[in-house]
Protein backbone atom coordinates (compact mmCIF):
# COMPACT_ATOMS: atom_id res chain seq x y z
CA MET A 1 0.00 0.00 0.00
CA ARG A 2 1.29 3.45 -0.88
CA ALA A 3 0.22 5.92 1.78
CA ARG A 4 0.28 9.67 1.46
CA PHE A 5 1.52 11.88 4.25
CA HIS A 6 -0.17 15.02 5.52
CA LEU A 7 1.85 17.80 7.09
CA ALA A 8 0.54 21.14 8.35
CA TYR A 9 2.79 24.07 9.18
CA HIS A 10 2.79 27.85 9.39
CA VAL A 11 3.55 30.48 6.78
CA THR A 12 3.43 34.23 7.16
CA ASP A 13 1.61 35.12 3.92
CA LEU A 14 -0.74 32.87 1.95
CA ALA A 15 -0.48 34.85 -1.30
CA VAL A 16 3.32 34.65 -1.26
CA ALA A 17 3.14 30.96 -0.31
CA ARG A 18 0.75 30.28 -3.21
CA ALA A 19 3.13 31.93 -5.67
CA PHE A 20 6.06 29.88 -4.37
CA TYR A 21 4.39 26.49 -4.09
CA ILE A 22 2.35 26.77 -7.30
CA ASP A 23 4.52 28.80 -9.66
CA LEU A 24 7.95 27.63 -8.55
CA LEU A 25 7.48 24.15 -7.12
CA GLY A 26 4.61 23.17 -9.43
CA CYS A 27 2.18 22.16 -6.68
CA THR A 28 -1.57 22.29 -7.25
CA GLU A 29 -3.90 23.98 -4.81
CA GLY A 30 -6.64 22.08 -3.01
CA ARG A 31 -9.10 23.39 -0.47
CA SER A 32 -8.54 26.68 1.30
CA THR A 33 -10.01 29.32 3.58
CA ASP A 34 -8.79 32.79 4.42
CA THR A 35 -6.37 31.30 7.01
CA TRP A 36 -5.02 28.12 5.34
CA VAL A 37 -4.49 26.42 1.99
CA ASP A 38 -3.89 22.78 1.03
CA PHE A 39 -1.45 21.77 -1.70
CA ASP A 40 -0.67 18.59 -3.56
CA PHE A 41 3.02 18.47 -2.69
CA PHE A 42 4.33 15.85 -5.13
CA GLY A 43 1.47 13.49 -4.31
CA HIS A 44 1.26 14.34 -0.61
CA GLN A 45 -0.89 16.85 1.23
CA ILE A 46 0.55 19.87 2.95
CA SER A 47 -1.62 22.44 4.70
CA LEU A 48 -0.15 25.89 5.11
CA HIS A 49 -1.73 27.90 7.93
CA LEU A 50 -1.15 31.54 8.76
CA GLY A 51 1.08 31.82 11.80
CA THR A 52 4.65 31.86 13.04
CA PRO A 53 6.82 29.26 11.24
CA PHE A 54 8.56 26.65 13.37
CA ALA A 55 12.08 27.39 14.57
CA THR A 56 14.94 25.58 12.83
CA ARG A 57 18.65 25.15 13.43
CA ASP A 58 21.41 23.73 11.24
CA THR A 59 22.04 20.71 13.47
CA GLY A 60 21.56 17.76 11.10
CA ARG A 61 24.90 16.41 9.88
CA VAL A 62 24.77 14.85 6.42
CA GLY A 63 28.22 14.21 5.03
CA ASP A 64 30.10 17.52 5.18
CA HIS A 65 26.94 19.61 5.54
CA MET A 66 24.89 20.77 8.49
CA VAL A 67 21.27 20.85 7.39
CA PRO A 68 18.27 22.67 8.85
CA MET A 69 16.31 20.67 11.41
CA PRO A 70 13.47 20.01 11.33
CA HIS A 71 12.72 20.03 7.62
CA LEU A 72 10.32 18.42 5.22
CA GLY A 73 11.21 16.84 1.96
CA VAL A 74 10.31 14.69 -0.97
CA ILE A 75 12.10 12.06 -3.04
CA LEU A 76 11.73 12.24 -6.81
CA PRO A 77 12.88 10.16 -9.73
CA LEU A 78 16.10 11.73 -10.98
CA PRO A 79 14.68 13.27 -14.21
CA ASP A 80 11.95 15.05 -12.20
CA TRP A 81 14.51 16.17 -9.61
CA GLN A 82 16.75 17.58 -12.35
CA ALA A 83 13.86 19.47 -13.96
CA LEU A 84 12.97 21.01 -10.59
CA ALA A 85 16.62 21.84 -9.83
CA ASP A 86 16.90 23.56 -13.21
CA ARG A 87 13.67 25.53 -12.62
CA LEU A 88 14.77 26.66 -9.13
CA SER A 89 18.24 27.60 -10.37
CA ALA A 90 16.79 29.59 -13.28
CA ALA A 91 14.59 31.46 -10.79
CA ASP A 92 17.71 32.38 -8.76
CA LEU A 93 16.30 30.73 -5.66
CA PRO A 94 18.87 30.98 -2.86
CA PHE A 95 19.85 27.45 -1.84
CA VAL A 96 20.85 26.34 1.64
CA ILE A 97 22.65 23.50 -0.18
CA PRO A 98 22.70 23.80 -3.97
CA PRO A 99 21.81 20.84 -6.18
CA THR A 100 24.54 18.29 -5.70
CA ALA A 101 25.29 14.57 -5.90
CA ARG A 102 25.83 12.68 -2.65
CA PHE A 103 27.17 9.22 -1.90
CA GLN A 104 28.33 8.72 -5.49
CA GLY A 105 29.18 5.13 -6.29
CA GLN A 106 27.67 3.95 -2.99
CA VAL A 107 24.42 2.29 -2.09
CA GLY A 108 21.84 5.05 -1.81
CA GLU A 109 23.52 7.34 -4.35
CA GLN A 110 21.36 10.42 -4.59
CA TRP A 111 21.14 14.02 -5.60
CA ALA A 112 19.86 16.59 -3.13
CA MET A 113 19.11 20.26 -2.65
CA PHE A 114 17.95 22.29 0.32
CA PHE A 115 16.12 25.60 0.17
CA ARG A 116 13.60 27.57 2.21
CA ASP A 117 10.13 28.72 1.30
CA PRO A 118 9.40 32.47 1.61
CA SER A 119 8.45 31.98 5.29
CA GLY A 120 11.76 30.28 6.05
CA ASN A 121 10.48 26.68 6.17
CA PRO A 122 13.32 24.37 5.05
CA ILE A 123 12.65 21.90 2.25
CA GLU A 124 14.89 19.10 0.99
CA VAL A 125 14.35 17.49 -2.39
CA LYS A 126 16.21 14.28 -3.17
CA GLY A 127 16.57 12.59 -6.53
CA PHE A 128 17.29 8.91 -7.09
CA ALA A 129 18.20 7.27 -10.38
CA ASP A 130 16.86 4.04 -8.87
CA ILE A 131 13.98 4.68 -6.47
CA ASP A 132 14.29 1.07 -5.26
CA THR A 133 17.55 2.05 -3.49
CA VAL A 134 15.95 4.67 -1.23
CA PHE A 135 15.98 2.28 1.75
CA ALA A 136 18.98 0.18 0.71
CA ASN A 137 21.89 -0.07 3.13
């Protein structure tokens, strides 16, 4: 069974969030009110509510990088990841960690990028050439 996750978190401006998640990330909008909006986030549901975003700190060590914790993310097939990386780069989105390959030649080889939404919420997007290796060790 393939389950979908649901995650709700705060943003400071719904109009700005809509522009980012729809126009830049390619999400589609679902239900909304004047205080929250749902998005199809790569097949999963996120609900963005007006409020103060959660605090983060760069405490997660991944290889040579310290990544923002907590963060949300998604894993994409490599061609989709590359298309998104190209779109974000062309938009001059500031990256926390720019698109890069990790663990090359090892089990779990992947490509990753970290960035923040306009409210500062950290997002990681991973790309795998072979999705079946996501949980390989």
